[in-house]
Amino acid sequence: MSKEQGDLASQTPANRSFRPVLIASEHTLSEYSLFLEHLLVGLADESIPVALVCPPSCDVESVTYGAVEVIKHPTIDLPLMERLNRNTLIEQLERFRPTVLHCLCKSRASLTRQLARQLNLPYVLMIDSLQKWWRHVFISSKHCARIIVPARSIAASVAKAYPRFAERVEQINIGTFVEEHTMCFSEPSRLPSIVVAHPLDNVAEFESLFGAVRHLVITGYEFMFVAMGTGRAESQLRQLLAALGLLQTVTIVPRLKRWRSVLAAGDVFIQPQPTETFNPLLLEAMSAGSAVAACKGGVDDLIIGDQTAVVFDPDDEFSIRTALQRLFDRREFARRLARDAQEYLRDNHTVSKMISATLQVYREAQGWSARRMAD
């Protein structure tokens, strides 16, 4: 057990009056399974009863921890059953006696807003991406007590889009358990490995990267390369790899349920393009001790040049090649970069701090709601 896990487990219950309902989507369970698992672990360690609302198709056994009441919604996934499903959900939530709703995905913002109105409860909304990805989210001024964001860049985007909610925006860094060891080039006798995790939707997003990889192979660098993901351009991407002669070097694997094990096996992790959403894969690659090569732009709060990552221009093959050569040719530099990234996460992305900040938001939301009802 890491020191962070031990510190979290030793905490005493903070406030037994909290009864949060976490409202999740399939996106939550796919992209943020570790975040959800850590959140549930932290709430359980604080002896806080939790209900988790999620679609029937979601497998939550791997993330639930402690006494979590799982509520599947909709109960009957058929047209014209929306009212019945929502009434059933209301009845189940009334039996749970919640004090605050916590919407974990913007796709569930409308449902959460309706539930908050019917139950007369405050809710907390998590937004994980920049404005153009959620511009149609409607927020209740009467019930939305806080908007939680995982990055400074997203906080600025939300404040700009919704200036009257700017004072309700709260940045809570997503927490992770950082490995005690550093994976990057830790086994000199093993063939180095590179991992990239990115949707395979646009072959153009990979052309410069794989051009750089081809040049490295030609000049004698030996490594394994794993591209983790799926998408509509997968067949085109395989054709590109064949044309570049990289089919023996690059392996494409689907997004695995326990994807952290793949990240933990990589000496180098590449984020090939800017992302408009917070990237939990980047966070976990850093926590596992991989050296990161990435590009700036979008939600890039974790990418600090020569402190947590080497930075390249995603459209410049030479820039990508130079960044990777720095890591392969200067392995002590790469290991120091990986260790510094881990230290950055220990300072800024601990699970204990995430739980403490989340409980404070719940406390503020319940107080805000009580004052609003008294006025």
Protein backbone atom coordinates (compact mmCIF):
# COMPACT_ATOMS: atom_id res chain seq x y z
CA MET A 1 0.00 0.00 0.00
CA SER A 2 1.35 3.47 -0.90
CA LYS A 3 1.69 6.21 1.72
CA GLU A 4 -1.20 8.07 0.09
CA GLN A 5 -3.48 5.02 0.41
CA GLY A 6 -2.43 4.54 4.00
CA ASP A 7 -3.08 8.19 4.88
CA LEU A 8 -6.53 8.00 3.30
CA ALA A 9 -7.45 4.79 5.12
CA SER A 10 -6.43 6.25 8.50
CA GLN A 11 -8.72 9.28 8.29
CA THR A 12 -11.67 9.52 10.66
CA PRO A 13 -15.23 10.15 9.46
CA ALA A 14 -15.60 13.85 8.69
CA ASN A 15 -19.35 14.40 8.54
CA ARG A 16 -21.96 11.66 8.72
CA SER A 17 -24.75 14.01 7.57
CA PHE A 18 -23.68 13.69 3.93
CA ARG A 19 -25.77 11.35 1.77
CA PRO A 20 -24.61 12.07 -1.80
CA VAL A 21 -26.06 10.55 -4.95
CA LEU A 22 -23.50 10.14 -7.73
CA ILE A 23 -25.09 10.27 -11.19
CA ALA A 24 -22.89 8.58 -13.79
CA SER A 25 -23.03 7.71 -17.48
CA GLU A 26 -21.39 5.06 -19.64
CA HIS A 27 -18.78 7.72 -20.43
CA THR A 28 -18.02 8.01 -16.72
CA LEU A 29 -17.52 4.27 -16.35
CA SER A 30 -15.38 4.13 -19.50
CA GLU A 31 -13.17 7.22 -19.18
CA TYR A 32 -13.19 7.86 -15.45
CA SER A 33 -13.48 4.41 -13.89
CA LEU A 34 -10.42 4.94 -11.67
CA PHE A 35 -11.65 8.38 -10.60
CA LEU A 36 -15.03 6.91 -9.67
CA GLU A 37 -13.38 4.02 -7.85
CA HIS A 38 -11.16 6.39 -5.87
CA LEU A 39 -14.11 8.66 -5.07
CA LEU A 40 -16.16 5.73 -3.77
CA VAL A 41 -13.21 4.41 -1.75
CA GLY A 42 -12.70 7.83 -0.18
CA LEU A 43 -16.37 8.29 0.70
CA ALA A 44 -16.51 4.77 2.15
CA ASP A 45 -13.44 5.50 4.30
CA GLU A 46 -15.29 8.56 5.62
CA SER A 47 -18.31 6.30 6.45
CA ILE A 48 -20.55 8.27 4.11
CA PRO A 49 -23.53 6.42 2.56
CA VAL A 50 -23.54 6.74 -1.23
CA ALA A 51 -26.02 5.94 -3.99
CA LEU A 52 -24.76 5.51 -7.56
CA VAL A 53 -27.20 6.08 -10.45
CA CYS A 54 -25.99 4.62 -13.75
CA PRO A 55 -27.34 3.03 -16.95
CA PRO A 56 -28.38 -0.65 -16.79
CA SER A 57 -25.61 -1.62 -19.24
CA CYS A 58 -22.83 -0.36 -16.94
CA ASP A 59 -20.71 -2.91 -15.11
CA VAL A 60 -19.99 -1.27 -11.76
CA GLU A 61 -18.70 -4.25 -9.81
CA SER A 62 -15.08 -3.34 -10.50
CA VAL A 63 -15.44 0.23 -9.17
CA THR A 64 -17.93 -0.02 -6.30
CA TYR A 65 -16.46 -0.12 -2.83
CA GLY A 66 -18.17 -0.35 0.55
CA ALA A 67 -21.91 0.09 1.08
CA VAL A 68 -22.82 1.68 -2.25
CA GLU A 69 -26.46 1.50 -3.28
CA VAL A 70 -26.48 1.02 -7.06
CA ILE A 71 -29.59 2.30 -8.84
CA LYS A 72 -29.94 1.44 -12.51
CA HIS A 73 -31.74 4.01 -14.66
CA PRO A 74 -33.74 3.73 -16.84
CA THR A 75 -35.46 0.65 -15.44
CA ILE A 76 -37.29 0.01 -18.73
CA ASP A 77 -35.31 1.28 -21.71
CA LEU A 78 -38.20 1.72 -24.14
CA PRO A 79 -39.76 4.71 -25.93
CA LEU A 80 -42.53 6.59 -24.07
CA MET A 81 -41.38 5.18 -20.72
CA GLU A 82 -39.44 8.27 -19.67
CA ARG A 83 -41.99 9.47 -17.09
CA LEU A 84 -42.37 6.02 -15.53
CA ASN A 85 -38.62 5.57 -15.36
CA ARG A 86 -38.09 8.98 -13.76
CA ASN A 87 -40.87 8.40 -11.21
CA THR A 88 -39.33 5.05 -10.33
CA LEU A 89 -35.97 6.71 -9.88
CA ILE A 90 -37.51 9.43 -7.68
CA GLU A 91 -39.06 6.77 -5.43
CA GLN A 92 -35.75 4.95 -5.07
CA LEU A 93 -33.92 8.17 -4.25
CA GLU A 94 -36.54 9.24 -1.70
CA ARG A 95 -35.98 5.96 0.13
CA PHE A 96 -32.23 6.68 0.16
CA ARG A 97 -32.85 10.20 1.63
CA PRO A 98 -30.11 12.09 -0.25
CA THR A 99 -28.72 15.46 0.82
CA VAL A 100 -26.92 16.40 -2.40
CA LEU A 101 -26.77 15.21 -6.02
CA HIS A 102 -23.40 14.96 -7.77
CA CYS A 103 -23.60 14.81 -11.57
CA LEU A 104 -20.39 13.21 -12.87
CA CYS A 105 -21.06 13.69 -16.59
CA LYS A 106 -22.45 16.61 -18.58
CA SER A 107 -24.66 14.16 -20.52
CA ARG A 108 -26.59 13.62 -17.25
CA ALA A 109 -26.94 17.33 -16.48
CA SER A 110 -30.54 17.52 -17.66
CA LEU A 111 -31.59 14.47 -15.62
CA THR A 112 -29.80 15.83 -12.55
CA ARG A 113 -31.47 19.21 -12.92
CA GLN A 114 -34.91 17.58 -13.07
CA LEU A 115 -34.19 15.39 -10.04
CA ALA A 116 -32.91 18.36 -8.05
CA ARG A 117 -36.08 20.30 -8.78
CA GLN A 118 -38.41 17.42 -7.90
CA LEU A 119 -36.51 16.47 -4.74
CA ASN A 120 -35.74 20.11 -3.86
CA LEU A 121 -32.05 19.34 -3.43
CA PRO A 122 -28.83 21.11 -4.34
CA TYR A 123 -26.67 19.54 -6.99
CA VAL A 124 -23.03 19.67 -8.01
CA LEU A 125 -22.15 19.46 -11.71
CA MET A 126 -18.82 18.15 -13.01
CA ILE A 127 -17.63 19.53 -16.36
CA ASP A 128 -14.49 17.91 -17.78
CA SER A 129 -14.05 19.65 -21.13
CA LEU A 130 -13.76 23.01 -22.84
CA GLN A 131 -16.77 25.04 -23.89
CA LYS A 132 -17.45 23.76 -27.40
CA TRP A 133 -18.05 20.25 -26.02
CA TRP A 134 -20.84 21.24 -23.63
CA ARG A 135 -22.29 24.55 -24.85
CA HIS A 136 -25.85 23.17 -24.72
CA VAL A 137 -25.73 22.21 -21.03
CA PHE A 138 -28.45 24.05 -19.11
CA ILE A 139 -27.66 24.85 -15.49
CA SER A 140 -30.23 25.59 -12.81
CA SER A 141 -29.50 28.82 -10.94
CA LYS A 142 -31.82 27.68 -8.13
CA HIS A 143 -30.36 24.23 -7.53
CA CYS A 144 -26.82 24.06 -8.96
CA ALA A 145 -24.67 25.01 -5.99
CA ARG A 146 -21.25 24.29 -7.48
CA ILE A 147 -19.63 23.45 -10.81
CA ILE A 148 -16.61 21.19 -10.33
CA VAL A 149 -13.85 21.22 -12.95
CA PRO A 150 -10.64 19.13 -13.00
CA ALA A 151 -8.37 21.74 -14.62
CA ARG A 152 -7.65 25.47 -14.59
CA SER A 153 -8.18 25.74 -18.35
CA ILE A 154 -11.69 24.27 -18.02
CA ALA A 155 -12.49 26.61 -15.12
CA ALA A 156 -11.68 29.59 -17.34
CA SER A 157 -13.82 28.16 -20.14
CA VAL A 158 -16.84 27.64 -17.85
CA ALA A 159 -16.53 31.10 -16.31
CA LYS A 160 -16.42 32.67 -19.77
CA ALA A 161 -19.45 30.72 -21.01
CA TYR A 162 -21.51 31.22 -17.84
CA PRO A 163 -20.34 34.46 -16.17
CA ARG A 164 -23.21 34.45 -13.67
CA PHE A 165 -22.01 31.06 -12.40
CA ALA A 166 -18.34 32.06 -12.24
CA GLU A 167 -18.36 32.27 -8.43
CA ARG A 168 -19.74 28.74 -8.22
CA VAL A 169 -16.89 27.18 -10.21
CA GLU A 170 -14.58 25.05 -8.07
CA GLN A 171 -11.43 23.34 -9.33
CA ILE A 172 -10.87 19.94 -7.73
CA ASN A 173 -7.92 18.04 -9.14
CA ILE A 174 -8.65 14.41 -9.91
CA GLY A 175 -6.69 12.27 -7.47
CA THR A 176 -4.62 9.20 -8.15
CA PHE A 177 -2.38 6.83 -6.20
CA VAL A 178 1.15 7.42 -7.46
CA GLU A 179 3.40 4.37 -7.74
CA GLU A 180 6.40 4.25 -5.43
CA HIS A 181 8.70 3.18 -8.27
CA THR A 182 9.32 4.80 -11.67
CA MET A 183 8.56 2.57 -14.66
CA CYS A 184 10.51 4.54 -17.26
CA PHE A 185 13.56 2.56 -18.47
CA SER A 186 13.67 0.69 -15.16
CA GLU A 187 14.70 -2.61 -16.78
CA PRO A 188 17.73 -2.07 -19.08
CA SER A 189 17.57 -5.63 -20.45
CA ARG A 190 13.98 -5.23 -21.64
CA LEU A 191 13.05 -3.82 -25.04
CA PRO A 192 11.75 -0.27 -24.47
CA SER A 193 8.04 0.29 -25.01
CA ILE A 194 5.98 3.27 -26.13
CA VAL A 195 2.25 3.60 -25.47
CA VAL A 196 -0.12 6.00 -27.18
CA ALA A 197 -3.79 6.15 -26.21
CA HIS A 198 -5.92 8.21 -28.56
CA PRO A 199 -9.18 7.72 -30.51
CA LEU A 200 -8.55 6.23 -33.95
CA ASP A 201 -11.02 8.54 -35.65
CA ASN A 202 -8.74 10.61 -37.87
CA VAL A 203 -5.72 9.12 -39.61
CA ALA A 204 -4.26 12.60 -40.19
CA GLU A 205 -3.74 12.94 -36.43
CA PHE A 206 -1.22 10.08 -36.58
CA GLU A 207 0.66 10.84 -39.81
CA SER A 208 3.40 13.00 -38.27
CA LEU A 209 3.76 10.68 -35.27
CA PHE A 210 4.20 7.54 -37.32
CA GLY A 211 6.47 9.34 -39.75
CA ALA A 212 8.70 10.11 -36.76
CA VAL A 213 8.47 6.50 -35.57
CA ARG A 214 9.48 5.25 -39.02
CA HIS A 215 12.56 7.47 -38.98
CA LEU A 216 13.56 6.19 -35.53
CA VAL A 217 13.26 2.58 -36.72
CA ILE A 218 15.31 3.28 -39.86
CA THR A 219 18.08 4.90 -37.81
CA GLY A 220 18.35 1.86 -35.56
CA TYR A 221 16.18 2.51 -32.52
CA GLU A 222 14.49 -0.64 -31.22
CA PHE A 223 11.26 -0.52 -29.23
CA MET A 224 7.73 -1.85 -28.99
CA PHE A 225 4.91 0.55 -29.84
CA VAL A 226 1.32 0.03 -28.63
CA ALA A 227 -1.52 2.20 -29.94
CA MET A 228 -4.52 1.75 -27.67
CA GLY A 229 -7.90 2.77 -29.01
CA THR A 230 -10.68 2.20 -31.52
CA GLY A 231 -12.37 4.40 -34.08
CA ARG A 232 -13.73 4.80 -37.57
CA ALA A 233 -10.26 5.36 -39.10
CA GLU A 234 -8.69 2.17 -37.75
CA SER A 235 -8.54 0.42 -41.13
CA GLN A 236 -6.99 3.53 -42.74
CA LEU A 237 -4.47 3.68 -39.93
CA ARG A 238 -3.45 0.08 -40.54
CA GLN A 239 -2.99 0.93 -44.22
CA LEU A 240 -0.76 3.85 -43.22
CA LEU A 241 1.32 1.55 -40.99
CA ALA A 242 1.67 -0.92 -43.86
CA ALA A 243 2.78 1.83 -46.26
CA LEU A 244 5.38 2.99 -43.72
CA GLY A 245 6.60 -0.54 -43.03
CA LEU A 246 5.61 -0.35 -39.38
CA LEU A 247 3.27 -3.32 -39.03
CA GLN A 248 5.94 -5.27 -37.16
CA THR A 249 6.66 -2.35 -34.84
CA VAL A 250 3.26 -0.89 -34.02
CA THR A 251 0.49 -2.97 -32.44
CA ILE A 252 -3.06 -1.64 -32.26
CA VAL A 253 -5.10 -2.89 -29.30
CA PRO A 254 -8.64 -1.94 -28.27
CA ARG A 255 -9.30 0.14 -25.20
CA LEU A 256 -9.15 -2.43 -22.41
CA LYS A 257 -11.34 -2.25 -19.31
CA ARG A 258 -8.32 -2.28 -16.99
CA TRP A 259 -6.29 0.06 -19.15
CA ARG A 260 -3.99 1.16 -16.35
CA SER A 261 -2.08 -2.13 -16.66
CA VAL A 262 -1.23 -1.23 -20.28
CA LEU A 263 -0.08 2.26 -19.28
CA ALA A 264 2.02 0.84 -16.44
CA ALA A 265 3.96 -1.29 -18.92
CA GLY A 266 5.12 1.68 -20.99
CA ASP A 267 8.47 3.40 -20.64
CA VAL A 268 7.16 6.33 -22.68
CA PHE A 269 3.61 7.63 -23.02
CA ILE A 270 2.67 9.88 -25.95
CA GLN A 271 -0.28 12.24 -26.15
CA PRO A 272 -0.20 12.87 -29.92
CA GLN A 273 -2.77 15.67 -30.21
CA PRO A 274 -4.26 18.39 -28.00
CA THR A 275 -7.39 17.21 -26.19
CA GLU A 276 -10.47 19.28 -25.47
CA THR A 277 -11.29 17.14 -22.44
CA PHE A 278 -9.28 16.26 -19.35
CA ASN A 279 -7.21 13.17 -20.18
CA PRO A 280 -7.29 10.61 -17.31
CA LEU A 281 -4.96 8.36 -19.31
CA LEU A 282 -2.26 11.02 -19.19
CA LEU A 283 -2.74 11.34 -15.43
CA GLU A 284 -2.44 7.59 -14.88
CA ALA A 285 0.58 7.25 -17.20
CA MET A 286 2.35 9.89 -15.15
CA SER A 287 1.37 8.22 -11.89
CA ALA A 288 2.76 4.89 -13.15
CA GLY A 289 6.13 6.52 -13.81
CA SER A 290 6.22 6.69 -17.60
CA ALA A 291 8.08 9.53 -19.28
CA VAL A 292 5.57 11.66 -21.17
CA ALA A 293 5.90 13.25 -24.61
CA ALA A 294 2.97 15.51 -25.40
CA CYS A 295 1.81 18.67 -27.14
CA LYS A 296 0.40 21.84 -25.68
CA GLY A 297 -3.10 23.09 -26.40
CA GLY A 298 -6.59 22.28 -25.19
CA VAL A 299 -6.71 20.94 -21.64
CA ASP A 300 -2.96 20.85 -21.09
CA ASP A 301 -2.64 21.67 -17.38
CA LEU A 302 -0.63 18.50 -16.66
CA ILE A 303 1.87 19.21 -19.45
CA ILE A 304 4.72 21.34 -18.12
CA GLY A 305 7.68 21.45 -20.48
CA ASP A 306 10.79 19.65 -19.14
CA GLN A 307 9.13 19.24 -15.75
CA THR A 308 6.35 16.72 -16.34
CA ALA A 309 6.79 16.12 -20.10
CA VAL A 310 8.82 16.82 -23.20
CA VAL A 311 6.77 18.98 -25.54
CA PHE A 312 6.49 18.76 -29.32
CA ASP A 313 4.54 20.26 -32.21
CA PRO A 314 1.93 17.63 -33.19
CA ASP A 315 2.05 18.61 -36.86
CA ASP A 316 5.85 18.61 -37.14
CA GLU A 317 7.46 15.20 -37.67
CA PHE A 318 10.91 16.56 -36.87
CA SER A 319 9.69 18.04 -33.58
CA ILE A 320 8.13 14.71 -32.54
CA ARG A 321 11.25 12.78 -33.54
CA THR A 322 13.49 15.15 -31.60
CA ALA A 323 11.35 14.82 -28.46
CA LEU A 324 11.44 11.02 -28.59
CA GLN A 325 15.18 10.96 -29.28
CA ARG A 326 15.75 13.10 -26.18
CA LEU A 327 14.04 10.43 -24.10
CA PHE A 328 15.79 7.45 -25.73
CA ASP A 329 19.26 9.02 -25.92
CA ARG A 330 19.19 10.58 -22.44
CA ARG A 331 17.60 7.93 -20.29
CA GLU A 332 18.55 9.48 -16.97
CA PHE A 333 16.87 12.68 -18.15
CA ALA A 334 13.78 10.62 -19.08
CA ARG A 335 13.72 8.93 -15.67
CA ARG A 336 14.14 12.27 -13.91
CA LEU A 337 11.27 13.68 -15.97
CA ALA A 338 9.08 10.74 -14.96
CA ARG A 339 10.03 11.09 -11.29
CA ASP A 340 9.36 14.85 -11.35
CA ALA A 341 5.93 14.19 -12.88
CA GLN A 342 5.18 11.70 -10.10
CA GLU A 343 6.26 14.25 -7.51
CA TYR A 344 4.02 16.85 -9.14
CA LEU A 345 1.08 14.48 -8.80
CA ARG A 346 1.93 13.75 -5.17
CA ASP A 347 1.78 17.49 -4.52
CA ASN A 348 -1.33 18.28 -6.55
CA HIS A 349 -3.36 15.15 -7.35
CA THR A 350 -3.70 13.04 -4.21
CA VAL A 351 -6.89 11.11 -3.56
CA SER A 352 -7.04 12.42 0.01
CA LYS A 353 -7.06 16.05 -1.18
CA MET A 354 -9.69 15.21 -3.80
CA ILE A 355 -11.95 13.64 -1.17
CA SER A 356 -11.44 16.52 1.29
CA ALA A 357 -12.24 19.09 -1.39
CA THR A 358 -15.29 17.14 -2.55
CA LEU A 359 -16.65 16.90 1.00
CA GLN A 360 -16.13 20.64 1.39
CA VAL A 361 -18.13 21.21 -1.79
CA TYR A 362 -20.94 18.98 -0.46
CA ARG A 363 -20.88 20.95 2.80
CA GLU A 364 -21.04 24.27 0.95
CA ALA A 365 -23.80 23.01 -1.35
CA GLN A 366 -25.97 21.90 1.56
CA GLY A 367 -25.36 25.18 3.40
CA TRP A 368 -26.08 27.18 0.25
CA SER A 369 -29.35 25.28 -0.25
CA ALA A 370 -30.41 25.80 3.38
CA ARG A 371 -29.80 29.55 3.13
CA ARG A 372 -31.67 29.75 -0.17
CA MET A 373 -34.72 28.00 1.32
CA ALA A 374 -34.65 30.25 4.37
CA ASP A 375 -34.67 33.47 2.29
